[in-house]
Amino acid sequence: MTEAEIYARLTQVFRDVFDDDAIVLQSDTMADDVAGWDSQAHVNLVVAAEMQFGIRFRTAELESLHNVGEFVQLIAQKTAGR
């Protein structure tokens, strides 16, 4: 899966979770950049991403992320070789 494919699928996850079709993800997008991205939305986002990509995240992996670009890289690592 290419990085562009991950961004496209992850963008749809964000749009669904936040009910906002105007969301456009960039590598430097952070929680402060998305209206409504609080702790509950974060949990919903993680679960939705796991379902979308058929992967599971460990808590330690998620705690080390600082922006969407790092999230995309983590997804790429977990989906590599499929």
C-alpha atoms as a PDB file:
ATOM      1  CA  MET A   1       0.000   0.000   0.000  1.00  0.00           C
ATOM      2  CA  THR A   2       1.420   3.369  -0.960  1.00  0.00           C
ATOM      3  CA  GLU A   3       1.585   6.371   1.318  1.00  0.00           C
ATOM      4  CA  ALA A   4      -0.952   8.135  -0.934  1.00  0.00           C
ATOM      5  CA  GLU A   5      -3.378   5.220  -0.528  1.00  0.00           C
ATOM      6  CA  ILE A   6      -2.955   5.326   3.239  1.00  0.00           C
ATOM      7  CA  TYR A   7      -3.617   9.080   3.296  1.00  0.00           C
ATOM      8  CA  ALA A   8      -6.736   8.634   1.146  1.00  0.00           C
ATOM      9  CA  ARG A   9      -8.162   5.896   3.346  1.00  0.00           C
ATOM     10  CA  LEU A  10      -7.151   7.650   6.572  1.00  0.00           C
ATOM     11  CA  THR A  11      -8.708  10.899   5.374  1.00  0.00           C
ATOM     12  CA  GLN A  12     -12.008   9.084   4.959  1.00  0.00           C
ATOM     13  CA  VAL A  13     -11.663   7.669   8.482  1.00  0.00           C
ATOM     14  CA  PHE A  14     -11.118  11.176   9.855  1.00  0.00           C
ATOM     15  CA  ARG A  15     -14.074  12.540   7.875  1.00  0.00           C
ATOM     16  CA  ASP A  16     -16.318   9.785   9.229  1.00  0.00           C
ATOM     17  CA  VAL A  17     -15.162  10.092  12.846  1.00  0.00           C
ATOM     18  CA  PHE A  18     -15.386  13.884  12.909  1.00  0.00           C
ATOM     19  CA  ASP A  19     -18.384  14.070  10.545  1.00  0.00           C
ATOM     20  CA  ASP A  20     -16.560  16.682   8.453  1.00  0.00           C
ATOM     21  CA  ASP A  21     -16.062  16.133   4.720  1.00  0.00           C
ATOM     22  CA  ALA A  22     -13.797  19.192   4.539  1.00  0.00           C
ATOM     23  CA  ILE A  23     -10.931  17.555   6.457  1.00  0.00           C
ATOM     24  CA  VAL A  24      -7.737  17.381   4.419  1.00  0.00           C
ATOM     25  CA  LEU A  25      -4.863  15.621   6.140  1.00  0.00           C
ATOM     26  CA  GLN A  26      -1.268  16.788   5.873  1.00  0.00           C
ATOM     27  CA  SER A  27       1.764  15.098   7.375  1.00  0.00           C
ATOM     28  CA  ASP A  28       1.983  17.820  10.036  1.00  0.00           C
ATOM     29  CA  THR A  29      -1.721  17.728  11.003  1.00  0.00           C
ATOM     30  CA  MET A  30      -2.101  17.483  14.790  1.00  0.00           C
ATOM     31  CA  ALA A  31      -5.025  17.193  17.198  1.00  0.00           C
ATOM     32  CA  ASP A  32      -5.122  20.973  17.646  1.00  0.00           C
ATOM     33  CA  ASP A  33      -5.721  21.331  13.896  1.00  0.00           C
ATOM     34  CA  VAL A  34      -8.968  19.317  13.839  1.00  0.00           C
ATOM     35  CA  ALA A  35     -12.073  20.670  15.553  1.00  0.00           C
ATOM     36  CA  GLY A  36     -13.449  18.193  18.065  1.00  0.00           C
ATOM     37  CA  TRP A  37     -10.314  16.039  18.331  1.00  0.00           C
ATOM     38  CA  ASP A  38     -10.532  15.290  22.041  1.00  0.00           C
ATOM     39  CA  SER A  39      -9.733  12.121  23.980  1.00  0.00           C
ATOM     40  CA  GLN A  40     -13.019  10.389  23.083  1.00  0.00           C
ATOM     41  CA  ALA A  41     -12.633  11.237  19.405  1.00  0.00           C
ATOM     42  CA  HIS A  42      -9.053   9.982  19.584  1.00  0.00           C
ATOM     43  CA  VAL A  43     -10.197   6.572  20.805  1.00  0.00           C
ATOM     44  CA  ASN A  44     -12.853   6.453  18.069  1.00  0.00           C
ATOM     45  CA  LEU A  45     -10.240   7.436  15.494  1.00  0.00           C
ATOM     46  CA  VAL A  46      -7.826   4.704  16.561  1.00  0.00           C
ATOM     47  CA  VAL A  47     -10.524   2.022  16.524  1.00  0.00           C
ATOM     48  CA  ALA A  48     -11.809   3.174  13.127  1.00  0.00           C
ATOM     49  CA  ALA A  49      -8.265   3.164  11.701  1.00  0.00           C
ATOM     50  CA  GLU A  50      -7.669  -0.339  13.052  1.00  0.00           C
ATOM     51  CA  MET A  51     -10.836  -1.533  11.359  1.00  0.00           C
ATOM     52  CA  GLN A  52     -10.083   0.282   8.085  1.00  0.00           C
ATOM     53  CA  PHE A  53      -6.584  -1.139   7.755  1.00  0.00           C
ATOM     54  CA  GLY A  54      -7.084  -4.496   9.507  1.00  0.00           C
ATOM     55  CA  ILE A  55      -4.360  -3.822  12.070  1.00  0.00           C
ATOM     56  CA  ARG A  56      -3.973  -3.350  15.824  1.00  0.00           C
ATOM     57  CA  PHE A  57      -2.008  -0.643  17.602  1.00  0.00           C
ATOM     58  CA  ARG A  58      -0.195  -1.015  20.901  1.00  0.00           C
ATOM     59  CA  THR A  59      -0.609   1.797  23.423  1.00  0.00           C
ATOM     60  CA  ALA A  60       3.128   2.538  23.392  1.00  0.00           C
ATOM     61  CA  GLU A  61       3.032   2.985  19.604  1.00  0.00           C
ATOM     62  CA  LEU A  62       0.219   5.499  19.825  1.00  0.00           C
ATOM     63  CA  GLU A  63       1.754   7.450  22.689  1.00  0.00           C
ATOM     64  CA  SER A  64       4.860   8.162  20.622  1.00  0.00           C
ATOM     65  CA  LEU A  65       2.951   9.745  17.719  1.00  0.00           C
ATOM     66  CA  HIS A  66       3.018  13.522  17.295  1.00  0.00           C
ATOM     67  CA  ASN A  67       1.217  14.089  13.987  1.00  0.00           C
ATOM     68  CA  VAL A  68      -0.671  12.421  11.156  1.00  0.00           C
ATOM     69  CA  GLY A  69       2.524  11.823   9.179  1.00  0.00           C
ATOM     70  CA  GLU A  70       3.879   9.631  11.968  1.00  0.00           C
ATOM     71  CA  PHE A  71       0.508   7.835  12.142  1.00  0.00           C
ATOM     72  CA  VAL A  72       0.697   7.158   8.392  1.00  0.00           C
ATOM     73  CA  GLN A  73       4.228   5.776   8.777  1.00  0.00           C
ATOM     74  CA  LEU A  74       3.063   3.464  11.574  1.00  0.00           C
ATOM     75  CA  ILE A  75       0.191   2.223   9.414  1.00  0.00           C
ATOM     76  CA  ALA A  76       2.627   1.684   6.523  1.00  0.00           C
ATOM     77  CA  GLN A  77       4.892  -0.402   8.748  1.00  0.00           C
ATOM     78  CA  LYS A  78       1.991  -2.516   9.991  1.00  0.00           C
ATOM     79  CA  THR A  79       0.552  -3.107   6.509  1.00  0.00           C
ATOM     80  CA  ALA A  80       3.866  -3.725   4.731  1.00  0.00           C
ATOM     81  CA  GLY A  81       4.065  -6.972   2.847  1.00  0.00           C
ATOM     82  CA  ARG A  82       0.360  -7.423   2.298  1.00  0.00           C
END
